[in-house]
Amino acid sequence: MKTALLFASALLSLTATSAFAAGCEQGTPPSLVDGATASQEQMAETMKAVKAYIVATEEYQACLEAAGRGGKMDLEAYNKSAARMEALAADFNKQLKTFKARNG
């Protein structure tokens, strides 16, 4: 049992570092403003930050794909980045809907 856990832990650490070793780095998602209180300028700046994060995430995923061509792609890192990007977009869209409802 301990051997299996050690092996699984070692395997996980290898796959987790494969993206980093390939030079692929995932950026940090931007903070979102509250659509109920944000100014138009704040909402516009947040939209720019969200779009920039999506582009950066797509570049990160392309890097993972390129690194995976020589071996096994880090699917866990790829899927996590996709989920993070989708969640950010969904959360931003909720705040944008709230902002638009407040501002007509």
PDB file of N, CA and C in Angstrom:
ATOM      1  N   MET A   1       0.823  -1.189   0.000  1.00  0.00           N
ATOM      2  CA  MET A   1       0.000   0.000   0.000  1.00  0.00           C
ATOM      3  C   MET A   1       0.868   1.253   0.000  1.00  0.00           C
ATOM      4  N   LYS A   2       1.892   1.287   0.866  1.00  0.00           N
ATOM      5  CA  LYS A   2       2.775   2.447   0.908  1.00  0.00           C
ATOM      6  C   LYS A   2       3.518   2.611  -0.409  1.00  0.00           C
ATOM      7  N   THR A   3       3.905   1.496  -1.004  1.00  0.00           N
ATOM      8  CA  THR A   3       4.615   1.551  -2.281  1.00  0.00           C
ATOM      9  C   THR A   3       3.724   2.153  -3.355  1.00  0.00           C
ATOM     10  N   ALA A   4       2.462   1.750  -3.368  1.00  0.00           N
ATOM     11  CA  ALA A   4       1.533   2.281  -4.366  1.00  0.00           C
ATOM     12  C   ALA A   4       1.337   3.779  -4.172  1.00  0.00           C
ATOM     13  N   LEU A   5       1.236   4.218  -2.919  1.00  0.00           N
ATOM     14  CA  LEU A   5       1.074   5.645  -2.645  1.00  0.00           C
ATOM     15  C   LEU A   5       2.310   6.439  -3.046  1.00  0.00           C
ATOM     16  N   LEU A   6       3.491   5.881  -2.761  1.00  0.00           N
ATOM     17  CA  LEU A   6       4.725   6.552  -3.145  1.00  0.00           C
ATOM     18  C   LEU A   6       4.843   6.657  -4.663  1.00  0.00           C
ATOM     19  N   PHE A   7       4.492   5.576  -5.349  1.00  0.00           N
ATOM     20  CA  PHE A   7       4.547   5.568  -6.807  1.00  0.00           C
ATOM     21  C   PHE A   7       3.573   6.592  -7.379  1.00  0.00           C
ATOM     22  N   ALA A   8       2.357   6.609  -6.857  1.00  0.00           N
ATOM     23  CA  ALA A   8       1.349   7.564  -7.344  1.00  0.00           C
ATOM     24  C   ALA A   8       1.798   8.996  -7.077  1.00  0.00           C
ATOM     25  N   SER A   9       2.378   9.238  -5.922  1.00  0.00           N
ATOM     26  CA  SER A   9       2.863  10.568  -5.580  1.00  0.00           C
ATOM     27  C   SER A   9       4.001  10.984  -6.509  1.00  0.00           C
ATOM     28  N   ALA A  10       4.912  10.078  -6.782  1.00  0.00           N
ATOM     29  CA  ALA A  10       6.022  10.377  -7.684  1.00  0.00           C
ATOM     30  C   ALA A  10       5.517  10.640  -9.091  1.00  0.00           C
ATOM     31  N   LEU A  11       4.573   9.848  -9.540  1.00  0.00           N
ATOM     32  CA  LEU A  11       4.008  10.028 -10.875  1.00  0.00           C
ATOM     33  C   LEU A  11       3.294  11.375 -10.984  1.00  0.00           C
ATOM     34  N   LEU A  12       2.554  11.730  -9.962  1.00  0.00           N
ATOM     35  CA  LEU A  12       1.849  13.013  -9.945  1.00  0.00           C
ATOM     36  C   LEU A  12       2.837  14.172  -9.985  1.00  0.00           C
ATOM     37  N   SER A  13       3.907  14.077  -9.243  1.00  0.00           N
ATOM     38  CA  SER A  13       4.878  15.168  -9.233  1.00  0.00           C
ATOM     39  C   SER A  13       5.576  15.289 -10.580  1.00  0.00           C
ATOM     40  N   LEU A  14       5.780  14.187 -11.273  1.00  0.00           N
ATOM     41  CA  LEU A  14       6.379  14.250 -12.601  1.00  0.00           C
ATOM     42  C   LEU A  14       5.453  14.917 -13.601  1.00  0.00           C
ATOM     43  N   THR A  15       4.174  14.570 -13.574  1.00  0.00           N
ATOM     44  CA  THR A  15       3.242  15.176 -14.521  1.00  0.00           C
ATOM     45  C   THR A  15       2.984  16.629 -14.166  1.00  0.00           C
ATOM     46  N   ALA A  16       2.991  16.954 -12.904  1.00  0.00           N
ATOM     47  CA  ALA A  16       2.749  18.332 -12.491  1.00  0.00           C
ATOM     48  C   ALA A  16       3.898  19.237 -12.906  1.00  0.00           C
ATOM     49  N   THR A  17       5.112  18.706 -12.939  1.00  0.00           N
ATOM     50  CA  THR A  17       6.254  19.528 -13.306  1.00  0.00           C
ATOM     51  C   THR A  17       6.529  19.506 -14.795  1.00  0.00           C
ATOM     52  N   SER A  18       5.884  18.626 -15.553  1.00  0.00           N
ATOM     53  CA  SER A  18       6.176  18.551 -16.986  1.00  0.00           C
ATOM     54  C   SER A  18       5.816  19.844 -17.700  1.00  0.00           C
ATOM     55  N   ALA A  19       4.706  20.473 -17.327  1.00  0.00           N
ATOM     56  CA  ALA A  19       4.323  21.739 -17.953  1.00  0.00           C
ATOM     57  C   ALA A  19       5.322  22.830 -17.577  1.00  0.00           C
ATOM     58  N   PHE A  20       5.735  22.857 -16.335  1.00  0.00           N
ATOM     59  CA  PHE A  20       6.692  23.858 -15.882  1.00  0.00           C
ATOM     60  C   PHE A  20       8.040  23.649 -16.560  1.00  0.00           C
ATOM     61  N   ALA A  21       8.458  22.395 -16.657  1.00  0.00           N
ATOM     62  CA  ALA A  21       9.741  22.088 -17.276  1.00  0.00           C
ATOM     63  C   ALA A  21       9.737  22.465 -18.749  1.00  0.00           C
ATOM     64  N   ALA A  22       8.596  22.394 -19.393  1.00  0.00           N
ATOM     65  CA  ALA A  22       8.494  22.740 -20.809  1.00  0.00           C
ATOM     66  C   ALA A  22       8.426  24.255 -21.009  1.00  0.00           C
ATOM     67  N   GLY A  23       8.379  25.016 -19.932  1.00  0.00           N
ATOM     68  CA  GLY A  23       8.297  26.467 -20.038  1.00  0.00           C
ATOM     69  C   GLY A  23       6.876  26.984 -20.111  1.00  0.00           C
ATOM     70  N   CYS A  24       5.910  26.136 -19.846  1.00  0.00           N
ATOM     71  CA  CYS A  24       4.506  26.535 -19.886  1.00  0.00           C
ATOM     72  C   CYS A  24       4.108  27.051 -18.512  1.00  0.00           C
ATOM     73  N   GLU A  25       3.627  28.276 -18.469  1.00  0.00           N
ATOM     74  CA  GLU A  25       3.201  28.846 -17.190  1.00  0.00           C
ATOM     75  C   GLU A  25       1.794  29.407 -17.311  1.00  0.00           C
ATOM     76  N   GLN A  26       0.952  29.023 -16.370  1.00  0.00           N
ATOM     77  CA  GLN A  26      -0.433  29.479 -16.327  1.00  0.00           C
ATOM     78  C   GLN A  26      -0.496  30.760 -15.516  1.00  0.00           C
ATOM     79  N   GLY A  27      -1.116  31.781 -16.074  1.00  0.00           N
ATOM     80  CA  GLY A  27      -1.267  33.043 -15.367  1.00  0.00           C
ATOM     81  C   GLY A  27      -2.335  32.962 -14.291  1.00  0.00           C
ATOM     82  N   THR A  28      -2.424  34.009 -13.513  1.00  0.00           N
ATOM     83  CA  THR A  28      -3.409  34.098 -12.442  1.00  0.00           C
ATOM     84  C   THR A  28      -4.654  34.808 -12.966  1.00  0.00           C
ATOM     85  N   PRO A  29      -5.829  34.243 -12.702  1.00  0.00           N
ATOM     86  CA  PRO A  29      -7.050  34.907 -13.167  1.00  0.00           C
ATOM     87  C   PRO A  29      -7.211  36.281 -12.516  1.00  0.00           C
ATOM     88  N   PRO A  30      -7.748  37.236 -13.266  1.00  0.00           N
ATOM     89  CA  PRO A  30      -7.941  38.572 -12.678  1.00  0.00           C
ATOM     90  C   PRO A  30      -9.097  38.567 -11.687  1.00  0.00           C
ATOM     91  N   SER A  31      -9.073  39.538 -10.805  1.00  0.00           N
ATOM     92  CA  SER A  31     -10.195  39.734  -9.882  1.00  0.00           C
ATOM     93  C   SER A  31     -11.337  40.388 -10.646  1.00  0.00           C
ATOM     94  N   LEU A  32     -12.544  40.004 -10.287  1.00  0.00           N
ATOM     95  CA  LEU A  32     -13.718  40.573 -10.938  1.00  0.00           C
ATOM     96  C   LEU A  32     -14.329  41.664 -10.066  1.00  0.00           C
ATOM     97  N   VAL A  33     -14.905  42.648 -10.735  1.00  0.00           N
ATOM     98  CA  VAL A  33     -15.624  43.700 -10.014  1.00  0.00           C
ATOM     99  C   VAL A  33     -17.063  43.245  -9.794  1.00  0.00           C
ATOM    100  N   ASP A  34     -17.713  43.886  -8.849  1.00  0.00           N
ATOM    101  CA  ASP A  34     -19.116  43.599  -8.562  1.00  0.00           C
ATOM    102  C   ASP A  34     -19.970  44.408  -9.527  1.00  0.00           C
ATOM    103  N   GLY A  35     -20.725  43.717 -10.365  1.00  0.00           N
ATOM    104  CA  GLY A  35     -21.566  44.387 -11.349  1.00  0.00           C
ATOM    105  C   GLY A  35     -22.614  45.291 -10.740  1.00  0.00           C
ATOM    106  N   ALA A  36     -22.966  45.061  -9.491  1.00  0.00           N
ATOM    107  CA  ALA A  36     -23.979  45.879  -8.820  1.00  0.00           C
ATOM    108  C   ALA A  36     -23.448  47.250  -8.417  1.00  0.00           C
ATOM    109  N   THR A  37     -22.121  47.388  -8.328  1.00  0.00           N
ATOM    110  CA  THR A  37     -21.547  48.650  -7.868  1.00  0.00           C
ATOM    111  C   THR A  37     -20.472  49.207  -8.793  1.00  0.00           C
ATOM    112  N   ALA A  38     -20.030  48.449  -9.782  1.00  0.00           N
ATOM    113  CA  ALA A  38     -18.916  48.859 -10.638  1.00  0.00           C
ATOM    114  C   ALA A  38     -19.293  50.022 -11.550  1.00  0.00           C
ATOM    115  N   SER A  39     -18.310  50.873 -11.811  1.00  0.00           N
ATOM    116  CA  SER A  39     -18.493  51.948 -12.795  1.00  0.00           C
ATOM    117  C   SER A  39     -18.285  51.357 -14.188  1.00  0.00           C
ATOM    118  N   GLN A  40     -18.660  52.126 -15.184  1.00  0.00           N
ATOM    119  CA  GLN A  40     -18.480  51.660 -16.564  1.00  0.00           C
ATOM    120  C   GLN A  40     -16.991  51.436 -16.851  1.00  0.00           C
ATOM    121  N   GLU A  41     -16.154  52.322 -16.359  1.00  0.00           N
ATOM    122  CA  GLU A  41     -14.707  52.197 -16.548  1.00  0.00           C
ATOM    123  C   GLU A  41     -14.171  50.929 -15.888  1.00  0.00           C
ATOM    124  N   GLN A  42     -14.607  50.662 -14.663  1.00  0.00           N
ATOM    125  CA  GLN A  42     -14.166  49.444 -13.965  1.00  0.00           C
ATOM    126  C   GLN A  42     -14.599  48.189 -14.727  1.00  0.00           C
ATOM    127  N   MET A  43     -15.826  48.200 -15.239  1.00  0.00           N
ATOM    128  CA  MET A  43     -16.319  47.047 -15.977  1.00  0.00           C
ATOM    129  C   MET A  43     -15.523  46.848 -17.268  1.00  0.00           C
ATOM    130  N   ALA A  44     -15.211  47.949 -17.947  1.00  0.00           N
ATOM    131  CA  ALA A  44     -14.432  47.868 -19.185  1.00  0.00           C
ATOM    132  C   ALA A  44     -13.023  47.331 -18.914  1.00  0.00           C
ATOM    133  N   GLU A  45     -12.401  47.809 -17.840  1.00  0.00           N
ATOM    134  CA  GLU A  45     -11.063  47.332 -17.484  1.00  0.00           C
ATOM    135  C   GLU A  45     -11.090  45.845 -17.115  1.00  0.00           C
ATOM    136  N   THR A  46     -12.135  45.447 -16.410  1.00  0.00           N
ATOM    137  CA  THR A  46     -12.256  44.037 -16.040  1.00  0.00           C
ATOM    138  C   THR A  46     -12.445  43.182 -17.281  1.00  0.00           C
ATOM    139  N   MET A  47     -13.236  43.671 -18.228  1.00  0.00           N
ATOM    140  CA  MET A  47     -13.447  42.923 -19.465  1.00  0.00           C
ATOM    141  C   MET A  47     -12.120  42.741 -20.210  1.00  0.00           C
ATOM    142  N   LYS A  48     -11.312  43.787 -20.262  1.00  0.00           N
ATOM    143  CA  LYS A  48      -9.996  43.692 -20.908  1.00  0.00           C
ATOM    144  C   LYS A  48      -9.124  42.653 -20.195  1.00  0.00           C
ATOM    145  N   ALA A  49      -9.155  42.667 -18.869  1.00  0.00           N
ATOM    146  CA  ALA A  49      -8.348  41.716 -18.099  1.00  0.00           C
ATOM    147  C   ALA A  49      -8.816  40.285 -18.319  1.00  0.00           C
ATOM    148  N   VAL A  50     -10.119  40.084 -18.390  1.00  0.00           N
ATOM    149  CA  VAL A  50     -10.665  38.742 -18.626  1.00  0.00           C
ATOM    150  C   VAL A  50     -10.266  38.254 -20.016  1.00  0.00           C
ATOM    151  N   LYS A  51     -10.396  39.126 -21.008  1.00  0.00           N
ATOM    152  CA  LYS A  51     -10.002  38.748 -22.374  1.00  0.00           C
ATOM    153  C   LYS A  51      -8.511  38.427 -22.454  1.00  0.00           C
ATOM    154  N   ALA A  52      -7.691  39.217 -21.778  1.00  0.00           N
ATOM    155  CA  ALA A  52      -6.243  38.967 -21.770  1.00  0.00           C
ATOM    156  C   ALA A  52      -5.936  37.628 -21.096  1.00  0.00           C
ATOM    157  N   TYR A  53      -6.661  37.327 -20.024  1.00  0.00           N
ATOM    158  CA  TYR A  53      -6.454  36.054 -19.335  1.00  0.00           C
ATOM    159  C   TYR A  53      -6.850  34.881 -20.241  1.00  0.00           C
ATOM    160  N   ILE A  54      -7.928  35.030 -20.987  1.00  0.00           N
ATOM    161  CA  ILE A  54      -8.361  33.966 -21.894  1.00  0.00           C
ATOM    162  C   ILE A  54      -7.303  33.733 -22.969  1.00  0.00           C
ATOM    163  N   VAL A  55      -6.759  34.810 -23.529  1.00  0.00           N
ATOM    164  CA  VAL A  55      -5.694  34.673 -24.532  1.00  0.00           C
ATOM    165  C   VAL A  55      -4.469  33.994 -23.921  1.00  0.00           C
ATOM    166  N   ALA A  56      -4.086  34.411 -22.715  1.00  0.00           N
ATOM    167  CA  ALA A  56      -2.932  33.812 -22.043  1.00  0.00           C
ATOM    168  C   ALA A  56      -3.172  32.331 -21.752  1.00  0.00           C
ATOM    169  N   THR A  57      -4.386  31.984 -21.386  1.00  0.00           N
ATOM    170  CA  THR A  57      -4.709  30.580 -21.110  1.00  0.00           C
ATOM    171  C   THR A  57      -4.647  29.760 -22.392  1.00  0.00           C
ATOM    172  N   GLU A  58      -5.137  30.319 -23.483  1.00  0.00           N
ATOM    173  CA  GLU A  58      -5.056  29.612 -24.764  1.00  0.00           C
ATOM    174  C   GLU A  58      -3.607  29.405 -25.183  1.00  0.00           C
ATOM    175  N   GLU A  59      -2.742  30.379 -24.912  1.00  0.00           N
ATOM    176  CA  GLU A  59      -1.314  30.238 -25.194  1.00  0.00           C
ATOM    177  C   GLU A  59      -0.696  29.165 -24.302  1.00  0.00           C
ATOM    178  N   TYR A  60      -1.090  29.133 -23.051  1.00  0.00           N
ATOM    179  CA  TYR A  60      -0.626  28.108 -22.110  1.00  0.00           C
ATOM    180  C   TYR A  60      -1.032  26.720 -22.605  1.00  0.00           C
ATOM    181  N   GLN A  61      -2.276  26.590 -23.045  1.00  0.00           N
ATOM    182  CA  GLN A  61      -2.749  25.303 -23.540  1.00  0.00           C
ATOM    183  C   GLN A  61      -2.002  24.892 -24.806  1.00  0.00           C
ATOM    184  N   ALA A  62      -1.716  25.844 -25.678  1.00  0.00           N
ATOM    185  CA  ALA A  62      -0.937  25.550 -26.880  1.00  0.00           C
ATOM    186  C   ALA A  62       0.469  25.082 -26.501  1.00  0.00           C
ATOM    187  N   CYS A  63       1.031  25.686 -25.476  1.00  0.00           N
ATOM    188  CA  CYS A  63       2.347  25.273 -24.982  1.00  0.00           C
ATOM    189  C   CYS A  63       2.297  23.837 -24.460  1.00  0.00           C
ATOM    190  N   LEU A  64       1.244  23.520 -23.709  1.00  0.00           N
ATOM    191  CA  LEU A  64       1.084  22.150 -23.203  1.00  0.00           C
ATOM    192  C   LEU A  64       0.961  21.167 -24.355  1.00  0.00           C
ATOM    193  N   GLU A  65       0.208  21.542 -25.375  1.00  0.00           N
ATOM    194  CA  GLU A  65       0.048  20.670 -26.536  1.00  0.00           C
ATOM    195  C   GLU A  65       1.378  20.456 -27.239  1.00  0.00           C
ATOM    196  N   ALA A  66       2.141  21.532 -27.416  1.00  0.00           N
ATOM    197  CA  ALA A  66       3.446  21.421 -28.072  1.00  0.00           C
ATOM    198  C   ALA A  66       4.397  20.562 -27.245  1.00  0.00           C
ATOM    199  N   ALA A  67       4.383  20.757 -25.932  1.00  0.00           N
ATOM    200  CA  ALA A  67       5.247  19.960 -25.058  1.00  0.00           C
ATOM    201  C   ALA A  67       4.834  18.496 -25.076  1.00  0.00           C
ATOM    202  N   GLY A  68       3.551  18.243 -25.280  1.00  0.00           N
ATOM    203  CA  GLY A  68       3.050  16.879 -25.288  1.00  0.00           C
ATOM    204  C   GLY A  68       3.329  16.126 -26.571  1.00  0.00           C
ATOM    205  N   ARG A  69       3.723  16.828 -27.616  1.00  0.00           N
ATOM    206  CA  ARG A  69       3.995  16.151 -28.887  1.00  0.00           C
ATOM    207  C   ARG A  69       5.183  15.205 -28.775  1.00  0.00           C
ATOM    208  N   GLY A  70       6.115  15.532 -27.903  1.00  0.00           N
ATOM    209  CA  GLY A  70       7.284  14.678 -27.723  1.00  0.00           C
ATOM    210  C   GLY A  70       7.060  13.566 -26.725  1.00  0.00           C
ATOM    211  N   GLY A  71       5.921  13.495 -26.131  1.00  0.00           N
ATOM    212  CA  GLY A  71       5.618  12.501 -25.110  1.00  0.00           C
ATOM    213  C   GLY A  71       4.167  12.608 -24.729  1.00  0.00           C
ATOM    214  N   LYS A  72       3.905  12.466 -23.453  1.00  0.00           N
ATOM    215  CA  LYS A  72       2.530  12.512 -22.971  1.00  0.00           C
ATOM    216  C   LYS A  72       2.185  13.930 -22.522  1.00  0.00           C
ATOM    217  N   MET A  73       1.075  14.455 -23.059  1.00  0.00           N
ATOM    218  CA  MET A  73       0.637  15.790 -22.675  1.00  0.00           C
ATOM    219  C   MET A  73       0.082  15.766 -21.254  1.00  0.00           C
ATOM    220  N   ASP A  74       0.273  16.857 -20.543  1.00  0.00           N
ATOM    221  CA  ASP A  74      -0.236  16.996 -19.181  1.00  0.00           C
ATOM    222  C   ASP A  74      -1.722  17.351 -19.257  1.00  0.00           C
ATOM    223  N   LEU A  75      -2.555  16.326 -19.409  1.00  0.00           N
ATOM    224  CA  LEU A  75      -3.999  16.537 -19.555  1.00  0.00           C
ATOM    225  C   LEU A  75      -4.626  17.157 -18.318  1.00  0.00           C
ATOM    226  N   GLU A  76      -4.117  16.805 -17.162  1.00  0.00           N
ATOM    227  CA  GLU A  76      -4.674  17.362 -15.924  1.00  0.00           C
ATOM    228  C   GLU A  76      -4.491  18.879 -15.891  1.00  0.00           C
ATOM    229  N   ALA A  77      -3.301  19.352 -16.236  1.00  0.00           N
ATOM    230  CA  ALA A  77      -3.039  20.788 -16.248  1.00  0.00           C
ATOM    231  C   ALA A  77      -3.889  21.465 -17.317  1.00  0.00           C
ATOM    232  N   TYR A  78      -4.015  20.838 -18.463  1.00  0.00           N
ATOM    233  CA  TYR A  78      -4.812  21.395 -19.559  1.00  0.00           C
ATOM    234  C   TYR A  78      -6.277  21.528 -19.131  1.00  0.00           C
ATOM    235  N   ASN A  79      -6.816  20.451 -18.571  1.00  0.00           N
ATOM    236  CA  ASN A  79      -8.225  20.457 -18.153  1.00  0.00           C
ATOM    237  C   ASN A  79      -8.486  21.452 -17.024  1.00  0.00           C
ATOM    238  N   LYS A  80      -7.553  21.565 -16.098  1.00  0.00           N
ATOM    239  CA  LYS A  80      -7.709  22.536 -15.009  1.00  0.00           C
ATOM    240  C   LYS A  80      -7.712  23.959 -15.553  1.00  0.00           C
ATOM    241  N   SER A  81      -6.842  24.224 -16.515  1.00  0.00           N
ATOM    242  CA  SER A  81      -6.792  25.573 -17.077  1.00  0.00           C
ATOM    243  C   SER A  81      -8.076  25.882 -17.837  1.00  0.00           C
ATOM    244  N   ALA A  82      -8.614  24.893 -18.534  1.00  0.00           N
ATOM    245  CA  ALA A  82      -9.874  25.093 -19.269  1.00  0.00           C
ATOM    246  C   ALA A  82     -11.019  25.360 -18.292  1.00  0.00           C
ATOM    247  N   ALA A  83     -11.068  24.603 -17.216  1.00  0.00           N
ATOM    248  CA  ALA A  83     -12.128  24.785 -16.216  1.00  0.00           C
ATOM    249  C   ALA A  83     -12.019  26.150 -15.551  1.00  0.00           C
ATOM    250  N   ARG A  84     -10.795  26.570 -15.245  1.00  0.00           N
ATOM    251  CA  ARG A  84     -10.572  27.873 -14.613  1.00  0.00           C
ATOM    252  C   ARG A  84     -11.010  29.003 -15.554  1.00  0.00           C
ATOM    253  N   MET A  85     -10.669  28.857 -16.836  1.00  0.00           N
ATOM    254  CA  MET A  85     -11.030  29.868 -17.819  1.00  0.00           C
ATOM    255  C   MET A  85     -12.549  29.940 -17.994  1.00  0.00           C
ATOM    256  N   GLU A  86     -13.193  28.792 -18.077  1.00  0.00           N
ATOM    257  CA  GLU A  86     -14.649  28.758 -18.243  1.00  0.00           C
ATOM    258  C   GLU A  86     -15.366  29.331 -17.028  1.00  0.00           C
ATOM    259  N   ALA A  87     -14.873  29.019 -15.835  1.00  0.00           N
ATOM    260  CA  ALA A  87     -15.486  29.542 -14.611  1.00  0.00           C
ATOM    261  C   ALA A  87     -15.334  31.062 -14.544  1.00  0.00           C
ATOM    262  N   LEU A  88     -14.164  31.568 -14.912  1.00  0.00           N
ATOM    263  CA  LEU A  88     -13.952  33.013 -14.903  1.00  0.00           C
ATOM    264  C   LEU A  88     -14.897  33.697 -15.890  1.00  0.00           C
ATOM    265  N   ALA A  89     -15.009  33.145 -17.095  1.00  0.00           N
ATOM    266  CA  ALA A  89     -15.894  33.735 -18.099  1.00  0.00           C
ATOM    267  C   ALA A  89     -17.345  33.723 -17.618  1.00  0.00           C
ATOM    268  N   ALA A  90     -17.774  32.630 -17.015  1.00  0.00           N
ATOM    269  CA  ALA A  90     -19.146  32.538 -16.510  1.00  0.00           C
ATOM    270  C   ALA A  90     -19.379  33.546 -15.385  1.00  0.00           C
ATOM    271  N   ASP A  91     -18.421  33.661 -14.473  1.00  0.00           N
ATOM    272  CA  ASP A  91     -18.558  34.618 -13.376  1.00  0.00           C
ATOM    273  C   ASP A  91     -18.573  36.057 -13.902  1.00  0.00           C
ATOM    274  N   PHE A  92     -17.726  36.353 -14.881  1.00  0.00           N
ATOM    275  CA  PHE A  92     -17.719  37.692 -15.449  1.00  0.00           C
ATOM    276  C   PHE A  92     -19.049  37.986 -16.132  1.00  0.00           C
ATOM    277  N   ASN A  93     -19.567  37.018 -16.873  1.00  0.00           N
ATOM    278  CA  ASN A  93     -20.846  37.234 -17.558  1.00  0.00           C
ATOM    279  C   ASN A  93     -21.983  37.506 -16.573  1.00  0.00           C
ATOM    280  N   LYS A  94     -21.961  36.872 -15.404  1.00  0.00           N
ATOM    281  CA  LYS A  94     -22.966  37.151 -14.370  1.00  0.00           C
ATOM    282  C   LYS A  94     -22.842  38.600 -13.902  1.00  0.00           C
ATOM    283  N   GLN A  95     -21.604  39.042 -13.669  1.00  0.00           N
ATOM    284  CA  GLN A  95     -21.393  40.414 -13.208  1.00  0.00           C
ATOM    285  C   GLN A  95     -21.767  41.416 -14.299  1.00  0.00           C
ATOM    286  N   LEU A  96     -21.491  41.074 -15.548  1.00  0.00           N
ATOM    287  CA  LEU A  96     -21.846  41.953 -16.658  1.00  0.00           C
ATOM    288  C   LEU A  96     -23.361  42.063 -16.801  1.00  0.00           C
ATOM    289  N   LYS A  97     -24.056  40.962 -16.620  1.00  0.00           N
ATOM    290  CA  LYS A  97     -25.520  40.973 -16.684  1.00  0.00           C
ATOM    291  C   LYS A  97     -26.087  41.857 -15.574  1.00  0.00           C
ATOM    292  N   THR A  98     -25.530  41.743 -14.381  1.00  0.00           N
ATOM    293  CA  THR A  98     -25.957  42.584 -13.259  1.00  0.00           C
ATOM    294  C   THR A  98     -25.680  44.043 -13.560  1.00  0.00           C
ATOM    295  N   PHE A  99     -24.509  44.332 -14.110  1.00  0.00           N
ATOM    296  CA  PHE A  99     -24.135  45.702 -14.462  1.00  0.00           C
ATOM    297  C   PHE A  99     -25.104  46.272 -15.492  1.00  0.00           C
ATOM    298  N   LYS A 100     -25.399  45.504 -16.537  1.00  0.00           N
ATOM    299  CA  LYS A 100     -26.301  45.976 -17.594  1.00  0.00           C
ATOM    300  C   LYS A 100     -27.726  46.177 -17.069  1.00  0.00           C
ATOM    301  N   ALA A 101     -28.180  45.313 -16.178  1.00  0.00           N
ATOM    302  CA  ALA A 101     -29.517  45.472 -15.606  1.00  0.00           C
ATOM    303  C   ALA A 101     -29.603  46.763 -14.784  1.00  0.00           C
ATOM    304  N   ARG A 102     -28.535  47.104 -14.129  1.00  0.00           N
ATOM    305  CA  ARG A 102     -28.501  48.314 -13.296  1.00  0.00           C
ATOM    306  C   ARG A 102     -28.393  49.570 -14.143  1.00  0.00           C
ATOM    307  N   ASN A 103     -27.687  49.479 -15.266  1.00  0.00           N
ATOM    308  CA  ASN A 103     -27.415  50.657 -16.090  1.00  0.00           C
ATOM    309  C   ASN A 103     -28.249  50.746 -17.357  1.00  0.00           C
ATOM    310  N   GLY A 104     -29.157  49.834 -17.527  1.00  0.00           N
ATOM    311  CA  GLY A 104     -30.059  49.890 -18.672  1.00  0.00           C
ATOM    312  C   GLY A 104     -29.460  49.467 -19.909  1.00  0.00           C
TER     313      GLY A 104
END
